[in-house]
C-alpha atoms as a PDB file:
ATOM      1  CA  MET A   1     -19.148   1.238   5.970  1.00  0.00           C
ATOM      2  CA  SER A   2     -16.902   2.878   8.401  1.00  0.00           C
ATOM      3  CA  LYS A   3     -13.257   3.843   7.615  1.00  0.00           C
ATOM      4  CA  GLU A   4     -11.780   1.126   9.587  1.00  0.00           C
ATOM      5  CA  GLN A   5     -13.908  -1.685   7.775  1.00  0.00           C
ATOM      6  CA  TYR A   6     -12.964  -0.350   4.494  1.00  0.00           C
ATOM      7  CA  LEU A   7      -9.342  -0.113   5.308  1.00  0.00           C
ATOM      8  CA  LYS A   8      -9.486  -3.603   6.807  1.00  0.00           C
ATOM      9  CA  ILE A   9     -10.937  -4.894   3.518  1.00  0.00           C
ATOM     10  CA  ILE A  10      -8.193  -3.450   1.353  1.00  0.00           C
ATOM     11  CA  ASN A  11      -5.534  -4.681   3.678  1.00  0.00           C
ATOM     12  CA  LYS A  12      -7.129  -8.368   3.465  1.00  0.00           C
ATOM     13  CA  GLU A  13      -7.179  -8.070  -0.477  1.00  0.00           C
ATOM     14  CA  LEU A  14      -3.535  -6.826  -0.227  1.00  0.00           C
ATOM     15  CA  GLN A  15      -2.536  -9.971   1.692  1.00  0.00           C
ATOM     16  CA  LYS A  16      -4.137 -11.940  -0.806  1.00  0.00           C
ATOM     17  CA  VAL A  17      -2.436 -10.362  -3.837  1.00  0.00           C
ATOM     18  CA  ASN A  18       0.750 -10.560  -2.152  1.00  0.00           C
ATOM     19  CA  LYS A  19       0.397 -14.299  -1.514  1.00  0.00           C
ATOM     20  CA  LYS A  20      -0.319 -14.754  -5.025  1.00  0.00           C
ATOM     21  CA  ILE A  21       2.673 -12.829  -6.047  1.00  0.00           C
ATOM     22  CA  ASP A  22       4.887 -14.539  -3.765  1.00  0.00           C
ATOM     23  CA  VAL A  23       3.807 -17.907  -5.265  1.00  0.00           C
ATOM     24  CA  LYS A  24       4.384 -16.797  -8.755  1.00  0.00           C
ATOM     25  CA  ILE A  25       7.903 -15.447  -7.700  1.00  0.00           C
ATOM     26  CA  VAL A  26       8.858 -18.974  -6.237  1.00  0.00           C
ATOM     27  CA  LYS A  27       7.400 -20.549  -9.499  1.00  0.00           C
ATOM     28  CA  GLY A  28       9.280 -18.238 -11.736  1.00  0.00           C
ATOM     29  CA  GLU A  29       6.141 -17.006 -13.168  1.00  0.00           C
ATOM     30  CA  GLN A  30       5.542 -13.390 -14.393  1.00  0.00           C
ATOM     31  CA  TYR A  31       3.046 -11.430 -12.089  1.00  0.00           C
ATOM     32  CA  PHE A  32       1.899  -8.202 -13.982  1.00  0.00           C
ATOM     33  CA  ARG A  33      -1.447  -8.383 -13.278  1.00  0.00           C
ATOM     34  CA  GLU A  34      -1.123  -8.855  -9.601  1.00  0.00           C
ATOM     35  CA  ALA A  35       1.504  -6.016  -9.570  1.00  0.00           C
ATOM     36  CA  ARG A  36      -1.085  -3.747 -11.147  1.00  0.00           C
ATOM     37  CA  GLU A  37      -3.664  -4.880  -8.603  1.00  0.00           C
ATOM     38  CA  HIS A  38      -1.366  -4.381  -5.731  1.00  0.00           C
ATOM     39  CA  LYS A  39      -0.585  -0.728  -6.924  1.00  0.00           C
ATOM     40  CA  MET A  40      -4.359  -0.139  -7.415  1.00  0.00           C
ATOM     41  CA  LEU A  41      -5.070  -1.265  -3.826  1.00  0.00           C
ATOM     42  CA  LEU A  42      -2.219   0.742  -2.247  1.00  0.00           C
ATOM     43  CA  ARG A  43      -3.611   3.887  -4.125  1.00  0.00           C
ATOM     44  CA  LYS A  44      -7.014   3.259  -2.683  1.00  0.00           C
ATOM     45  CA  ALA A  45      -5.847   3.062   0.600  1.00  0.00           C
ATOM     46  CA  ARG A  46      -3.594   6.068   0.415  1.00  0.00           C
ATOM     47  CA  GLN A  47      -6.489   8.196  -0.974  1.00  0.00           C
ATOM     48  CA  PHE A  48      -8.692   7.087   1.639  1.00  0.00           C
ATOM     49  CA  ASN A  49      -6.336   7.956   4.330  1.00  0.00           C
ATOM     50  CA  GLY A  50      -5.574  11.422   2.706  1.00  0.00           C
ATOM     51  CA  GLN A  51      -2.123  10.715   2.036  1.00  0.00           C
ATOM     52  CA  GLY A  52      -1.074  12.440  -1.252  1.00  0.00           C
ATOM     53  CA  PHE A  53       2.111  12.436  -3.193  1.00  0.00           C
ATOM     54  CA  PHE A  54       3.992  15.231  -1.294  1.00  0.00           C
ATOM     55  CA  SER A  55       2.750  14.240   2.069  1.00  0.00           C
ATOM     56  CA  ARG A  56       4.559  10.777   1.469  1.00  0.00           C
ATOM     57  CA  ILE A  57       7.573  12.300   0.131  1.00  0.00           C
ATOM     58  CA  PHE A  58       7.867  15.278   2.851  1.00  0.00           C
ATOM     59  CA  GLY A  59       6.082  13.754   5.621  1.00  0.00           C
ATOM     60  CA  GLY A  60       8.950  12.190   7.348  1.00  0.00           C
ATOM     61  CA  LEU A  61      10.972  15.421   6.877  1.00  0.00           C
ATOM     62  CA  PHE A  62       9.108  17.435   9.213  1.00  0.00           C
ATOM     63  CA  SER A  63       8.054  14.818  11.801  1.00  0.00           C
ATOM     64  CA  SER A  64       9.663  14.599  15.340  1.00  0.00           C
ATOM     65  CA  GLN A  65      12.029  11.987  14.141  1.00  0.00           C
ATOM     66  CA  PHE A  66      14.448  14.677  13.086  1.00  0.00           C
ATOM     67  CA  SER A  67      16.066  16.970  15.631  1.00  0.00           C
ATOM     68  CA  PHE A  68      17.517  20.285  14.250  1.00  0.00           C
ATOM     69  CA  ARG A  69      19.781  21.313  17.317  1.00  0.00           C
END
């Protein structure tokens, strides 16, 4: 399985979980399980992309967005 296929599957699963969460929010129900599943899927996607904790925090700090003139 290629990296693109794996990430596509994870994104589809994230969309499904997001829909479940949205429905439960509208109904006023609790969504603890779905929130945990969402967090797990995001963690998998970030690990697969090689985004660690510090790269998420400090990644934007040194990008080309900021200009130090």
